[in-house]
Amino acid sequence: MEKVVRQIDHIRSILFERMTYLAEKVENGYRLTSSYVYKLMTGANQPFALFMANEKQKEKKE
């Protein structure tokens, strides 16, 4: 029984690592895509991520 529990824990840890890796890949892809679309729509040279960071800084100052 203990062996089965260890194997299940091992599988859970592997799944967690893989899902974390995939989530990071999806987030990076989303950032790139949103920056590209933002640039197409606005014609701005500044990436969307920098625009959002600047907006957050402005909000903090206010």
C-alpha atoms as a PDB file:
ATOM      1  CA  MET A   1       0.000   0.000   0.000  1.00  0.00           C
ATOM      2  CA  GLU A   2       2.825   2.407   0.856  1.00  0.00           C
ATOM      3  CA  LYS A   3       4.442   1.752  -2.501  1.00  0.00           C
ATOM      4  CA  VAL A   4       1.229   2.719  -4.306  1.00  0.00           C
ATOM      5  CA  VAL A   5       0.963   5.897  -2.224  1.00  0.00           C
ATOM      6  CA  ARG A   6       4.558   6.839  -3.085  1.00  0.00           C
ATOM      7  CA  GLN A   7       3.950   6.192  -6.773  1.00  0.00           C
ATOM      8  CA  ILE A   8       0.819   8.348  -6.714  1.00  0.00           C
ATOM      9  CA  ASP A   9       2.714  11.133  -4.952  1.00  0.00           C
ATOM     10  CA  HIS A  10       5.465  10.873  -7.545  1.00  0.00           C
ATOM     11  CA  ILE A  11       2.943  11.087 -10.382  1.00  0.00           C
ATOM     12  CA  ARG A  12       1.284  14.089  -8.711  1.00  0.00           C
ATOM     13  CA  SER A  13       4.608  15.909  -8.406  1.00  0.00           C
ATOM     14  CA  ILE A  14       5.459  15.214 -12.053  1.00  0.00           C
ATOM     15  CA  LEU A  15       2.027  16.423 -13.174  1.00  0.00           C
ATOM     16  CA  PHE A  16       2.403  19.583 -11.087  1.00  0.00           C
ATOM     17  CA  GLU A  17       5.810  20.331 -12.622  1.00  0.00           C
ATOM     18  CA  ARG A  18       4.530  19.752 -16.168  1.00  0.00           C
ATOM     19  CA  MET A  19       1.410  21.847 -15.627  1.00  0.00           C
ATOM     20  CA  THR A  20       3.476  24.683 -14.211  1.00  0.00           C
ATOM     21  CA  TYR A  21       5.761  24.526 -17.239  1.00  0.00           C
ATOM     22  CA  LEU A  22       2.797  24.521 -19.627  1.00  0.00           C
ATOM     23  CA  ALA A  23       1.118  27.399 -17.773  1.00  0.00           C
ATOM     24  CA  GLU A  24       4.288  29.482 -18.138  1.00  0.00           C
ATOM     25  CA  LYS A  25       4.426  28.688 -21.862  1.00  0.00           C
ATOM     26  CA  VAL A  26       0.789  29.728 -22.304  1.00  0.00           C
ATOM     27  CA  GLU A  27       1.345  32.953 -20.352  1.00  0.00           C
ATOM     28  CA  ASN A  28       4.383  33.840 -22.454  1.00  0.00           C
ATOM     29  CA  GLY A  29       2.472  33.121 -25.644  1.00  0.00           C
ATOM     30  CA  TYR A  30      -0.420  35.252 -24.453  1.00  0.00           C
ATOM     31  CA  ARG A  31       1.912  38.152 -23.652  1.00  0.00           C
ATOM     32  CA  LEU A  32       3.536  37.980 -27.064  1.00  0.00           C
ATOM     33  CA  THR A  33       0.209  37.739 -28.858  1.00  0.00           C
ATOM     34  CA  SER A  34      -1.392  40.553 -26.885  1.00  0.00           C
ATOM     35  CA  SER A  35       1.639  42.782 -27.482  1.00  0.00           C
ATOM     36  CA  TYR A  36       1.500  42.055 -31.195  1.00  0.00           C
ATOM     37  CA  VAL A  37      -2.238  42.740 -31.436  1.00  0.00           C
ATOM     38  CA  TYR A  38      -1.866  45.916 -29.359  1.00  0.00           C
ATOM     39  CA  LYS A  39       0.894  47.117 -31.656  1.00  0.00           C
ATOM     40  CA  LEU A  40      -1.227  46.385 -34.736  1.00  0.00           C
ATOM     41  CA  MET A  41      -4.272  48.169 -33.355  1.00  0.00           C
ATOM     42  CA  THR A  42      -2.539  51.258 -31.988  1.00  0.00           C
ATOM     43  CA  GLY A  43       0.523  51.503 -34.181  1.00  0.00           C
ATOM     44  CA  ALA A  44       2.553  52.126 -31.040  1.00  0.00           C
ATOM     45  CA  ASN A  45       6.153  50.989 -30.812  1.00  0.00           C
ATOM     46  CA  GLN A  46       5.838  50.417 -27.096  1.00  0.00           C
ATOM     47  CA  PRO A  47       4.889  46.827 -26.227  1.00  0.00           C
ATOM     48  CA  PHE A  48       1.624  46.260 -24.395  1.00  0.00           C
ATOM     49  CA  ALA A  49       3.408  44.944 -21.295  1.00  0.00           C
ATOM     50  CA  LEU A  50       5.369  48.177 -20.930  1.00  0.00           C
ATOM     51  CA  PHE A  51       2.209  50.200 -21.503  1.00  0.00           C
ATOM     52  CA  MET A  52       0.431  48.307 -18.715  1.00  0.00           C
ATOM     53  CA  ALA A  53       3.420  48.705 -16.385  1.00  0.00           C
ATOM     54  CA  ASN A  54       3.411  52.458 -17.012  1.00  0.00           C
ATOM     55  CA  GLU A  55      -0.332  52.613 -16.317  1.00  0.00           C
ATOM     56  CA  LYS A  56       0.142  50.815 -12.993  1.00  0.00           C
ATOM     57  CA  GLN A  57       2.901  53.239 -12.018  1.00  0.00           C
ATOM     58  CA  LYS A  58       0.646  56.196 -12.834  1.00  0.00           C
ATOM     59  CA  GLU A  59      -2.120  54.726 -10.674  1.00  0.00           C
ATOM     60  CA  LYS A  60       0.258  54.260  -7.752  1.00  0.00           C
ATOM     61  CA  LYS A  61       1.412  57.865  -7.990  1.00  0.00           C
ATOM     62  CA  GLU A  62      -2.168  59.134  -7.864  1.00  0.00           C
END
